[in-house]
């Protein structure tokens, strides 16, 4: 499935955001359907100071602040041009890379969300405040976007090398399947390697009611081992459909692998460990998943992967 490849790449003037641009250059496919918008929200002079413009005792101080604002604006524009040059030297046509310098209006996160509604296929940003759980800055723009920007895929860029190896963490939910479709449409035909991965939690650690057991494909009389095997068979069948879709989109069948592990305590930890062991640079997860049927809410698993897999780039679809 071919999709429009219009990326909203958030750049804040920092060196780490340049690393985000380098990820786009090294990892994203370059073709005629790809368009990159480098987006910066410029806060400028604080609103509280603007309210003092008519105060006679503040004229000199305000003039200095305005001069600083002008200089800062020039630096940001030079920074954006530098980021654009990186993409062009990486093979993106100059006409496919656009700079958007956006004066702050509602707030950084809200302005980004408004811009994201303009026909983009994904938002790409760095991981500020998105490290291990104990280091999360809850007020950071990244966290706000993860919580609120739910109508478009988010790509959180980590420091892992942007190798063309992708771990597709699937659970069979509609969101998970959309993640697969998005990845296939975006990367198919560009020589990427993909592993379709599913982690089945241990039944002993989770309480299932009878409805959940039936939905997992088991009868009340079946043992946990029998139930897990029945569920594993379902996953294998699902994998075959996913693999067919990837191949149809242009993935090489020889570069698609499959892996199921059972008895895990934490799905998110299992996903991150698999990414570490397999040398993957990018993890793809669904934003929302099955609830009781899959025992864990995949949305939470996806969020935990973003937090716990802080060395990796994580696509949340």
C-alpha atoms as a PDB file:
ATOM      1  CA  UNK A   1       0.000   0.000   0.000  1.00  0.00           C
ATOM      2  CA  UNK A   2       1.551   3.288  -1.132  1.00  0.00           C
ATOM      3  CA  UNK A   3       1.027   6.207   1.249  1.00  0.00           C
ATOM      4  CA  UNK A   4       1.994   9.846   1.146  1.00  0.00           C
ATOM      5  CA  UNK A   5       5.327  10.312   2.872  1.00  0.00           C
ATOM      6  CA  UNK A   6       5.043  13.774   4.350  1.00  0.00           C
ATOM      7  CA  UNK A   7       7.057  14.041   7.551  1.00  0.00           C
ATOM      8  CA  UNK A   8       6.770  16.813  10.115  1.00  0.00           C
ATOM      9  CA  UNK A   9      10.255  16.922  11.638  1.00  0.00           C
ATOM     10  CA  UNK A  10      10.430  18.943  14.860  1.00  0.00           C
ATOM     11  CA  UNK A  11      13.652  20.874  15.399  1.00  0.00           C
ATOM     12  CA  UNK A  12      14.276  23.052  18.433  1.00  0.00           C
ATOM     13  CA  UNK A  13      17.723  24.481  17.739  1.00  0.00           C
ATOM     14  CA  UNK A  14      19.637  21.852  19.727  1.00  0.00           C
ATOM     15  CA  UNK A  15      22.383  19.451  18.665  1.00  0.00           C
ATOM     16  CA  UNK A  16      20.172  16.508  19.624  1.00  0.00           C
ATOM     17  CA  UNK A  17      17.547  17.674  17.150  1.00  0.00           C
ATOM     18  CA  UNK A  18      20.242  17.611  14.464  1.00  0.00           C
ATOM     19  CA  UNK A  19      20.638  13.922  15.368  1.00  0.00           C
ATOM     20  CA  UNK A  20      16.934  13.563  14.572  1.00  0.00           C
ATOM     21  CA  UNK A  21      17.550  15.113  11.152  1.00  0.00           C
ATOM     22  CA  UNK A  22      20.452  12.709  10.631  1.00  0.00           C
ATOM     23  CA  UNK A  23      18.110   9.779  11.397  1.00  0.00           C
ATOM     24  CA  UNK A  24      15.719  10.995   8.722  1.00  0.00           C
ATOM     25  CA  UNK A  25      18.607  11.325   6.274  1.00  0.00           C
ATOM     26  CA  UNK A  26      20.057   7.878   7.022  1.00  0.00           C
ATOM     27  CA  UNK A  27      16.907   5.820   7.576  1.00  0.00           C
ATOM     28  CA  UNK A  28      13.956   7.231   5.651  1.00  0.00           C
ATOM     29  CA  UNK A  29      13.522   6.220   2.001  1.00  0.00           C
ATOM     30  CA  UNK A  30      14.258   8.843  -0.608  1.00  0.00           C
ATOM     31  CA  UNK A  31      11.688   8.774  -3.400  1.00  0.00           C
ATOM     32  CA  UNK A  32       9.390  11.090  -5.303  1.00  0.00           C
ATOM     33  CA  UNK A  33       6.619  10.658  -2.711  1.00  0.00           C
ATOM     34  CA  UNK A  34       8.705  11.864   0.228  1.00  0.00           C
ATOM     35  CA  UNK A  35       8.400  15.398   1.556  1.00  0.00           C
ATOM     36  CA  UNK A  36      10.119  16.736   4.677  1.00  0.00           C
ATOM     37  CA  UNK A  37       8.949  19.791   6.639  1.00  0.00           C
ATOM     38  CA  UNK A  38      11.432  21.091   9.222  1.00  0.00           C
ATOM     39  CA  UNK A  39       9.245  22.760  11.834  1.00  0.00           C
ATOM     40  CA  UNK A  40      10.366  25.134  14.569  1.00  0.00           C
ATOM     41  CA  UNK A  41       8.124  26.869  17.108  1.00  0.00           C
ATOM     42  CA  UNK A  42       9.778  30.173  17.984  1.00  0.00           C
ATOM     43  CA  UNK A  43       8.796  31.470  21.409  1.00  0.00           C
ATOM     44  CA  UNK A  44      10.539  34.834  21.059  1.00  0.00           C
ATOM     45  CA  UNK A  45       9.918  37.541  23.643  1.00  0.00           C
ATOM     46  CA  UNK A  46       7.879  36.284  26.614  1.00  0.00           C
ATOM     47  CA  UNK A  47       4.314  37.598  26.589  1.00  0.00           C
ATOM     48  CA  UNK A  48       4.753  39.048  30.069  1.00  0.00           C
ATOM     49  CA  UNK A  49       7.439  41.396  28.724  1.00  0.00           C
ATOM     50  CA  UNK A  50       5.319  42.434  25.755  1.00  0.00           C
ATOM     51  CA  UNK A  51       2.691  43.692  28.182  1.00  0.00           C
ATOM     52  CA  UNK A  52       5.282  46.178  29.480  1.00  0.00           C
ATOM     53  CA  UNK A  53       5.969  47.791  26.088  1.00  0.00           C
ATOM     54  CA  UNK A  54       3.969  50.916  27.007  1.00  0.00           C
ATOM     55  CA  UNK A  55       5.644  51.304  30.382  1.00  0.00           C
ATOM     56  CA  UNK A  56       8.172  54.212  30.176  1.00  0.00           C
ATOM     57  CA  UNK A  57      10.584  52.686  32.702  1.00  0.00           C
ATOM     58  CA  UNK A  58      10.975  49.486  30.657  1.00  0.00           C
ATOM     59  CA  UNK A  59      11.740  50.944  27.238  1.00  0.00           C
ATOM     60  CA  UNK A  60      15.532  50.394  27.312  1.00  0.00           C
ATOM     61  CA  UNK A  61      15.312  46.892  28.764  1.00  0.00           C
ATOM     62  CA  UNK A  62      12.640  45.914  26.243  1.00  0.00           C
ATOM     63  CA  UNK A  63      14.735  47.241  23.372  1.00  0.00           C
ATOM     64  CA  UNK A  64      17.623  45.022  24.467  1.00  0.00           C
ATOM     65  CA  UNK A  65      15.309  42.025  24.700  1.00  0.00           C
ATOM     66  CA  UNK A  66      13.940  42.693  21.227  1.00  0.00           C
ATOM     67  CA  UNK A  67      17.467  42.868  19.838  1.00  0.00           C
ATOM     68  CA  UNK A  68      18.221  39.541  21.505  1.00  0.00           C
ATOM     69  CA  UNK A  69      15.049  38.117  19.996  1.00  0.00           C
ATOM     70  CA  UNK A  70      16.119  39.243  16.527  1.00  0.00           C
ATOM     71  CA  UNK A  71      19.553  37.663  16.951  1.00  0.00           C
ATOM     72  CA  UNK A  72      17.999  34.460  18.223  1.00  0.00           C
ATOM     73  CA  UNK A  73      15.678  34.365  15.225  1.00  0.00           C
ATOM     74  CA  UNK A  74      18.662  34.717  12.864  1.00  0.00           C
ATOM     75  CA  UNK A  75      20.449  31.844  14.621  1.00  0.00           C
ATOM     76  CA  UNK A  76      17.403  29.608  14.372  1.00  0.00           C
ATOM     77  CA  UNK A  77      17.001  30.341  10.661  1.00  0.00           C
ATOM     78  CA  UNK A  78      20.683  29.500  10.094  1.00  0.00           C
ATOM     79  CA  UNK A  79      20.150  26.299  12.100  1.00  0.00           C
ATOM     80  CA  UNK A  80      17.138  25.346   9.964  1.00  0.00           C
ATOM     81  CA  UNK A  81      19.127  25.943   6.801  1.00  0.00           C
ATOM     82  CA  UNK A  82      21.859  23.701   8.201  1.00  0.00           C
ATOM     83  CA  UNK A  83      19.299  20.968   8.878  1.00  0.00           C
ATOM     84  CA  UNK A  84      17.916  21.325   5.339  1.00  0.00           C
ATOM     85  CA  UNK A  85      21.416  21.037   3.880  1.00  0.00           C
ATOM     86  CA  UNK A  86      21.964  17.773   5.807  1.00  0.00           C
ATOM     87  CA  UNK A  87      18.880  16.254   4.158  1.00  0.00           C
ATOM     88  CA  UNK A  88      19.838  17.505   0.705  1.00  0.00           C
ATOM     89  CA  UNK A  89      23.352  16.070   0.994  1.00  0.00           C
ATOM     90  CA  UNK A  90      21.694  12.817   2.051  1.00  0.00           C
ATOM     91  CA  UNK A  91      19.877  12.590  -1.265  1.00  0.00           C
ATOM     92  CA  UNK A  92      16.587  14.387  -0.677  1.00  0.00           C
ATOM     93  CA  UNK A  93      15.768  16.800  -3.524  1.00  0.00           C
ATOM     94  CA  UNK A  94      15.895  20.441  -2.456  1.00  0.00           C
ATOM     95  CA  UNK A  95      12.292  20.971  -3.525  1.00  0.00           C
ATOM     96  CA  UNK A  96      11.136  18.151  -1.209  1.00  0.00           C
ATOM     97  CA  UNK A  97      12.531  19.823   1.934  1.00  0.00           C
ATOM     98  CA  UNK A  98      10.656  22.789   3.405  1.00  0.00           C
ATOM     99  CA  UNK A  99      11.413  25.043   6.371  1.00  0.00           C
ATOM    100  CA  UNK A 100       8.578  26.323   8.551  1.00  0.00           C
ATOM    101  CA  UNK A 101       9.450  28.981  11.123  1.00  0.00           C
ATOM    102  CA  UNK A 102       6.345  29.241  13.294  1.00  0.00           C
ATOM    103  CA  UNK A 103       5.912  32.022  15.894  1.00  0.00           C
ATOM    104  CA  UNK A 104       4.445  30.662  19.105  1.00  0.00           C
ATOM    105  CA  UNK A 105       0.698  31.165  19.386  1.00  0.00           C
ATOM    106  CA  UNK A 106      -1.106  28.664  21.651  1.00  0.00           C
ATOM    107  CA  UNK A 107       1.843  26.816  23.147  1.00  0.00           C
ATOM    108  CA  UNK A 108       4.587  24.617  21.692  1.00  0.00           C
ATOM    109  CA  UNK A 109       2.717  21.296  21.912  1.00  0.00           C
ATOM    110  CA  UNK A 110      -0.632  22.759  20.805  1.00  0.00           C
ATOM    111  CA  UNK A 111       0.971  24.560  17.859  1.00  0.00           C
ATOM    112  CA  UNK A 112       2.638  21.312  16.781  1.00  0.00           C
ATOM    113  CA  UNK A 113      -0.674  19.450  17.033  1.00  0.00           C
ATOM    114  CA  UNK A 114      -2.385  22.094  14.900  1.00  0.00           C
ATOM    115  CA  UNK A 115       0.355  21.839  12.268  1.00  0.00           C
ATOM    116  CA  UNK A 116       0.195  18.030  12.310  1.00  0.00           C
ATOM    117  CA  UNK A 117      -3.404  18.210  11.067  1.00  0.00           C
ATOM    118  CA  UNK A 118      -2.213  19.572   7.713  1.00  0.00           C
ATOM    119  CA  UNK A 119      -1.887  16.317   5.818  1.00  0.00           C
ATOM    120  CA  UNK A 120       1.223  14.836   7.403  1.00  0.00           C
ATOM    121  CA  UNK A 121       1.845  11.097   7.535  1.00  0.00           C
ATOM    122  CA  UNK A 122       4.010  11.163  10.706  1.00  0.00           C
ATOM    123  CA  UNK A 123       5.658  13.461  13.251  1.00  0.00           C
ATOM    124  CA  UNK A 124       9.368  12.960  13.953  1.00  0.00           C
ATOM    125  CA  UNK A 125      10.921  14.280  17.168  1.00  0.00           C
ATOM    126  CA  UNK A 126      13.753  13.719  19.594  1.00  0.00           C
ATOM    127  CA  UNK A 127      13.430  12.163  23.022  1.00  0.00           C
ATOM    128  CA  UNK A 128      13.789  15.102  25.375  1.00  0.00           C
ATOM    129  CA  UNK A 129      12.385  13.997  28.733  1.00  0.00           C
ATOM    130  CA  UNK A 130      11.635  10.525  27.369  1.00  0.00           C
ATOM    131  CA  UNK A 131      14.394   8.478  29.007  1.00  0.00           C
ATOM    132  CA  UNK A 132      13.971   5.856  31.718  1.00  0.00           C
ATOM    133  CA  UNK A 133      10.818   6.223  33.822  1.00  0.00           C
ATOM    134  CA  UNK A 134      12.658   7.796  36.732  1.00  0.00           C
ATOM    135  CA  UNK A 135      13.937  10.562  34.456  1.00  0.00           C
ATOM    136  CA  UNK A 136      10.705  11.479  32.699  1.00  0.00           C
ATOM    137  CA  UNK A 137       9.933  15.175  32.542  1.00  0.00           C
ATOM    138  CA  UNK A 138       6.159  15.038  32.572  1.00  0.00           C
ATOM    139  CA  UNK A 139       5.794  18.570  31.293  1.00  0.00           C
ATOM    140  CA  UNK A 140       8.024  18.024  28.264  1.00  0.00           C
ATOM    141  CA  UNK A 141       6.697  18.553  24.765  1.00  0.00           C
ATOM    142  CA  UNK A 142       7.507  14.928  23.870  1.00  0.00           C
ATOM    143  CA  UNK A 143       5.319  13.525  26.640  1.00  0.00           C
ATOM    144  CA  UNK A 144       2.490  15.927  25.842  1.00  0.00           C
ATOM    145  CA  UNK A 145       2.553  14.814  22.223  1.00  0.00           C
ATOM    146  CA  UNK A 146       2.610  11.136  23.184  1.00  0.00           C
ATOM    147  CA  UNK A 147      -0.471  11.714  25.322  1.00  0.00           C
ATOM    148  CA  UNK A 148      -2.400  14.020  22.992  1.00  0.00           C
ATOM    149  CA  UNK A 149      -1.271  13.554  19.396  1.00  0.00           C
ATOM    150  CA  UNK A 150      -3.297  10.410  18.747  1.00  0.00           C
ATOM    151  CA  UNK A 151      -4.411  10.893  15.127  1.00  0.00           C
ATOM    152  CA  UNK A 152      -1.004  10.480  13.469  1.00  0.00           C
ATOM    153  CA  UNK A 153       2.066   8.229  13.967  1.00  0.00           C
ATOM    154  CA  UNK A 154       4.826   9.549  16.225  1.00  0.00           C
ATOM    155  CA  UNK A 155       8.486   8.699  15.625  1.00  0.00           C
ATOM    156  CA  UNK A 156      10.674   9.175  18.709  1.00  0.00           C
ATOM    157  CA  UNK A 157      14.292   9.200  17.561  1.00  0.00           C
ATOM    158  CA  UNK A 158      16.848   7.543  19.821  1.00  0.00           C
ATOM    159  CA  UNK A 159      20.656   7.363  19.682  1.00  0.00           C
ATOM    160  CA  UNK A 160      20.883   3.797  18.317  1.00  0.00           C
ATOM    161  CA  UNK A 161      22.476   3.640  14.840  1.00  0.00           C
ATOM    162  CA  UNK A 162      19.762   3.929  12.131  1.00  0.00           C
ATOM    163  CA  UNK A 163      20.349   0.476  10.648  1.00  0.00           C
ATOM    164  CA  UNK A 164      17.706  -0.800   8.248  1.00  0.00           C
ATOM    165  CA  UNK A 165      16.489  -3.450  10.704  1.00  0.00           C
ATOM    166  CA  UNK A 166      12.988  -3.036  12.130  1.00  0.00           C
ATOM    167  CA  UNK A 167      11.328  -4.890  14.996  1.00  0.00           C
ATOM    168  CA  UNK A 168       7.568  -5.039  14.401  1.00  0.00           C
ATOM    169  CA  UNK A 169       5.914  -5.649  17.791  1.00  0.00           C
ATOM    170  CA  UNK A 170       2.429  -6.919  16.970  1.00  0.00           C
ATOM    171  CA  UNK A 171      -0.561  -8.057  19.030  1.00  0.00           C
ATOM    172  CA  UNK A 172      -3.371  -8.428  16.498  1.00  0.00           C
ATOM    173  CA  UNK A 173      -5.244  -5.298  17.570  1.00  0.00           C
ATOM    174  CA  UNK A 174      -6.515  -2.827  14.931  1.00  0.00           C
ATOM    175  CA  UNK A 175      -3.854  -0.319  16.021  1.00  0.00           C
ATOM    176  CA  UNK A 176      -1.130  -2.932  15.720  1.00  0.00           C
ATOM    177  CA  UNK A 177      -2.308  -3.880  12.239  1.00  0.00           C
ATOM    178  CA  UNK A 178      -2.357  -0.202  11.254  1.00  0.00           C
ATOM    179  CA  UNK A 179       1.246   0.016  12.439  1.00  0.00           C
ATOM    180  CA  UNK A 180       2.154  -2.843  10.111  1.00  0.00           C
ATOM    181  CA  UNK A 181       0.280  -1.264   7.201  1.00  0.00           C
ATOM    182  CA  UNK A 182       1.943   2.088   7.817  1.00  0.00           C
ATOM    183  CA  UNK A 183       5.408   0.539   7.964  1.00  0.00           C
ATOM    184  CA  UNK A 184       4.782  -1.527   4.844  1.00  0.00           C
ATOM    185  CA  UNK A 185       3.535   1.473   2.886  1.00  0.00           C
ATOM    186  CA  UNK A 186       6.314   3.721   4.092  1.00  0.00           C
ATOM    187  CA  UNK A 187       9.316   1.407   3.805  1.00  0.00           C
ATOM    188  CA  UNK A 188       8.285  -1.302   1.336  1.00  0.00           C
ATOM    189  CA  UNK A 189      10.573  -1.691  -1.678  1.00  0.00           C
ATOM    190  CA  UNK A 190      13.578  -0.020  -0.037  1.00  0.00           C
ATOM    191  CA  UNK A 191      15.571  -3.056   1.150  1.00  0.00           C
ATOM    192  CA  UNK A 192      14.684  -3.039   4.854  1.00  0.00           C
ATOM    193  CA  UNK A 193      14.933  -6.080   7.133  1.00  0.00           C
ATOM    194  CA  UNK A 194      11.962  -6.762   9.426  1.00  0.00           C
ATOM    195  CA  UNK A 195      11.189  -9.130  12.291  1.00  0.00           C
ATOM    196  CA  UNK A 196       7.545  -9.765  13.195  1.00  0.00           C
ATOM    197  CA  UNK A 197       7.584 -10.207  16.962  1.00  0.00           C
ATOM    198  CA  UNK A 198       4.991 -11.218  19.533  1.00  0.00           C
ATOM    199  CA  UNK A 199       5.451 -11.771  23.285  1.00  0.00           C
ATOM    200  CA  UNK A 200       2.848 -13.882  25.100  1.00  0.00           C
ATOM    201  CA  UNK A 201       2.627 -13.161  28.850  1.00  0.00           C
ATOM    202  CA  UNK A 202       2.648 -16.050  31.294  1.00  0.00           C
ATOM    203  CA  UNK A 203      -0.864 -17.016  32.318  1.00  0.00           C
ATOM    204  CA  UNK A 204       0.197 -17.690  35.881  1.00  0.00           C
ATOM    205  CA  UNK A 205       0.996 -14.047  36.464  1.00  0.00           C
ATOM    206  CA  UNK A 206      -2.320 -12.746  35.157  1.00  0.00           C
ATOM    207  CA  UNK A 207      -5.902 -13.346  36.263  1.00  0.00           C
ATOM    208  CA  UNK A 208      -8.274 -14.186  33.402  1.00  0.00           C
ATOM    209  CA  UNK A 209     -12.027 -14.388  33.753  1.00  0.00           C
ATOM    210  CA  UNK A 210     -13.919 -17.010  31.717  1.00  0.00           C
ATOM    211  CA  UNK A 211     -14.752 -14.541  28.948  1.00  0.00           C
ATOM    212  CA  UNK A 212     -11.070 -13.782  28.426  1.00  0.00           C
ATOM    213  CA  UNK A 213     -10.189 -17.481  28.372  1.00  0.00           C
ATOM    214  CA  UNK A 214     -12.817 -18.127  25.706  1.00  0.00           C
ATOM    215  CA  UNK A 215     -11.579 -15.189  23.633  1.00  0.00           C
ATOM    216  CA  UNK A 216      -8.066 -16.586  23.773  1.00  0.00           C
ATOM    217  CA  UNK A 217      -9.428 -19.665  22.037  1.00  0.00           C
ATOM    218  CA  UNK A 218      -9.472 -21.953  25.074  1.00  0.00           C
ATOM    219  CA  UNK A 219     -12.154 -23.923  26.910  1.00  0.00           C
ATOM    220  CA  UNK A 220     -12.561 -23.877  30.674  1.00  0.00           C
ATOM    221  CA  UNK A 221     -11.164 -27.411  30.920  1.00  0.00           C
ATOM    222  CA  UNK A 222      -7.909 -26.683  29.102  1.00  0.00           C
ATOM    223  CA  UNK A 223      -4.640 -26.317  30.989  1.00  0.00           C
ATOM    224  CA  UNK A 224      -2.605 -23.085  30.806  1.00  0.00           C
ATOM    225  CA  UNK A 225      -0.021 -24.809  28.569  1.00  0.00           C
ATOM    226  CA  UNK A 226      -2.719 -25.988  26.171  1.00  0.00           C
ATOM    227  CA  UNK A 227      -4.247 -22.510  26.150  1.00  0.00           C
ATOM    228  CA  UNK A 228      -0.906 -20.874  25.358  1.00  0.00           C
ATOM    229  CA  UNK A 229      -0.296 -23.330  22.498  1.00  0.00           C
ATOM    230  CA  UNK A 230      -3.740 -22.570  21.083  1.00  0.00           C
ATOM    231  CA  UNK A 231      -3.065 -18.875  21.279  1.00  0.00           C
ATOM    232  CA  UNK A 232       0.407 -19.338  19.777  1.00  0.00           C
ATOM    233  CA  UNK A 233      -1.165 -21.078  16.782  1.00  0.00           C
ATOM    234  CA  UNK A 234      -3.420 -18.049  16.291  1.00  0.00           C
ATOM    235  CA  UNK A 235      -0.390 -15.768  16.350  1.00  0.00           C
ATOM    236  CA  UNK A 236       1.422 -17.923  13.768  1.00  0.00           C
ATOM    237  CA  UNK A 237      -1.570 -17.673  11.439  1.00  0.00           C
ATOM    238  CA  UNK A 238      -1.654 -13.908  11.939  1.00  0.00           C
ATOM    239  CA  UNK A 239       2.058 -13.718  11.161  1.00  0.00           C
ATOM    240  CA  UNK A 240       1.460 -15.335   7.768  1.00  0.00           C
ATOM    241  CA  UNK A 241      -1.043 -12.619   6.837  1.00  0.00           C
ATOM    242  CA  UNK A 242       1.348  -9.914   8.013  1.00  0.00           C
ATOM    243  CA  UNK A 243       4.216 -11.418   6.037  1.00  0.00           C
ATOM    244  CA  UNK A 244       2.102 -11.561   2.875  1.00  0.00           C
ATOM    245  CA  UNK A 245       1.255  -7.884   3.310  1.00  0.00           C
ATOM    246  CA  UNK A 246       4.903  -6.915   3.770  1.00  0.00           C
ATOM    247  CA  UNK A 247       5.943  -8.866   0.677  1.00  0.00           C
ATOM    248  CA  UNK A 248       3.128  -7.290  -1.352  1.00  0.00           C
ATOM    249  CA  UNK A 249       4.414  -3.845  -0.331  1.00  0.00           C
ATOM    250  CA  UNK A 250       7.920  -4.597  -1.584  1.00  0.00           C
ATOM    251  CA  UNK A 251       9.733  -6.228   1.348  1.00  0.00           C
ATOM    252  CA  UNK A 252      12.086  -9.050   0.382  1.00  0.00           C
ATOM    253  CA  UNK A 253      10.684 -12.348   1.711  1.00  0.00           C
ATOM    254  CA  UNK A 254      14.208 -13.433   2.613  1.00  0.00           C
ATOM    255  CA  UNK A 255      14.573 -10.403   4.898  1.00  0.00           C
ATOM    256  CA  UNK A 256      11.412 -11.035   6.933  1.00  0.00           C
ATOM    257  CA  UNK A 257      11.743 -13.140  10.082  1.00  0.00           C
ATOM    258  CA  UNK A 258       9.213 -14.159  12.737  1.00  0.00           C
ATOM    259  CA  UNK A 259       9.572 -14.732  16.455  1.00  0.00           C
ATOM    260  CA  UNK A 260       7.157 -15.639  19.260  1.00  0.00           C
ATOM    261  CA  UNK A 261       8.206 -15.888  22.900  1.00  0.00           C
ATOM    262  CA  UNK A 262       5.994 -17.070  25.749  1.00  0.00           C
ATOM    263  CA  UNK A 263       5.831 -16.709  29.497  1.00  0.00           C
ATOM    264  CA  UNK A 264       7.094 -13.141  29.681  1.00  0.00           C
ATOM    265  CA  UNK A 265       6.359 -11.014  32.730  1.00  0.00           C
ATOM    266  CA  UNK A 266       6.593  -7.703  30.879  1.00  0.00           C
ATOM    267  CA  UNK A 267       5.819  -7.374  27.190  1.00  0.00           C
ATOM    268  CA  UNK A 268       7.537  -4.012  26.897  1.00  0.00           C
ATOM    269  CA  UNK A 269      10.739  -5.364  28.453  1.00  0.00           C
ATOM    270  CA  UNK A 270      10.602  -8.382  26.146  1.00  0.00           C
ATOM    271  CA  UNK A 271      10.310  -6.097  23.111  1.00  0.00           C
ATOM    272  CA  UNK A 272      13.247  -3.930  24.202  1.00  0.00           C
ATOM    273  CA  UNK A 273      15.415  -6.960  25.008  1.00  0.00           C
ATOM    274  CA  UNK A 274      14.683  -8.454  21.601  1.00  0.00           C
ATOM    275  CA  UNK A 275      15.662  -5.168  19.940  1.00  0.00           C
ATOM    276  CA  UNK A 276      18.924  -5.162  21.897  1.00  0.00           C
ATOM    277  CA  UNK A 277      19.722  -8.810  21.153  1.00  0.00           C
ATOM    278  CA  UNK A 278      18.841  -8.567  17.473  1.00  0.00           C
ATOM    279  CA  UNK A 279      20.698  -5.340  16.722  1.00  0.00           C
ATOM    280  CA  UNK A 280      17.587  -3.437  15.686  1.00  0.00           C
ATOM    281  CA  UNK A 281      17.614   0.339  15.553  1.00  0.00           C
ATOM    282  CA  UNK A 282      13.877   0.919  15.152  1.00  0.00           C
ATOM    283  CA  UNK A 283      10.887  -0.572  16.999  1.00  0.00           C
ATOM    284  CA  UNK A 284       7.329  -0.258  15.665  1.00  0.00           C
ATOM    285  CA  UNK A 285       4.378  -0.524  18.074  1.00  0.00           C
ATOM    286  CA  UNK A 286       0.662   0.205  17.963  1.00  0.00           C
ATOM    287  CA  UNK A 287      -0.645   3.057  20.079  1.00  0.00           C
ATOM    288  CA  UNK A 288      -3.691   1.165  21.322  1.00  0.00           C
ATOM    289  CA  UNK A 289      -4.122  -2.564  21.564  1.00  0.00           C
ATOM    290  CA  UNK A 290      -6.493  -5.224  22.746  1.00  0.00           C
ATOM    291  CA  UNK A 291      -7.521  -4.884  26.355  1.00  0.00           C
ATOM    292  CA  UNK A 292      -8.682  -7.953  28.248  1.00  0.00           C
ATOM    293  CA  UNK A 293      -8.173 -10.363  25.362  1.00  0.00           C
ATOM    294  CA  UNK A 294      -4.447  -9.723  25.267  1.00  0.00           C
ATOM    295  CA  UNK A 295      -4.132  -9.323  29.043  1.00  0.00           C
ATOM    296  CA  UNK A 296      -2.145  -6.107  28.706  1.00  0.00           C
ATOM    297  CA  UNK A 297      -3.273  -2.857  27.134  1.00  0.00           C
ATOM    298  CA  UNK A 298      -0.945  -2.528  24.153  1.00  0.00           C
ATOM    299  CA  UNK A 299      -1.186   1.244  24.369  1.00  0.00           C
ATOM    300  CA  UNK A 300       0.519   1.000  27.738  1.00  0.00           C
ATOM    301  CA  UNK A 301       3.014  -1.474  26.322  1.00  0.00           C
ATOM    302  CA  UNK A 302       3.722   0.942  23.487  1.00  0.00           C
ATOM    303  CA  UNK A 303       4.277   3.797  25.915  1.00  0.00           C
ATOM    304  CA  UNK A 304       6.543   1.651  28.075  1.00  0.00           C
ATOM    305  CA  UNK A 305       8.599   0.758  25.016  1.00  0.00           C
ATOM    306  CA  UNK A 306       9.037   4.467  24.289  1.00  0.00           C
ATOM    307  CA  UNK A 307      10.208   5.047  27.860  1.00  0.00           C
ATOM    308  CA  UNK A 308      12.203   1.863  28.460  1.00  0.00           C
ATOM    309  CA  UNK A 309      13.702   1.540  25.000  1.00  0.00           C
ATOM    310  CA  UNK A 310      15.314   4.956  25.226  1.00  0.00           C
ATOM    311  CA  UNK A 311      18.277   3.904  23.076  1.00  0.00           C
ATOM    312  CA  UNK A 312      16.022   3.023  20.152  1.00  0.00           C
ATOM    313  CA  UNK A 313      13.891   4.913  17.696  1.00  0.00           C
ATOM    314  CA  UNK A 314      10.267   3.967  18.396  1.00  0.00           C
ATOM    315  CA  UNK A 315       7.425   4.397  15.936  1.00  0.00           C
ATOM    316  CA  UNK A 316       4.089   4.708  17.755  1.00  0.00           C
ATOM    317  CA  UNK A 317       1.262   4.252  15.243  1.00  0.00           C
END
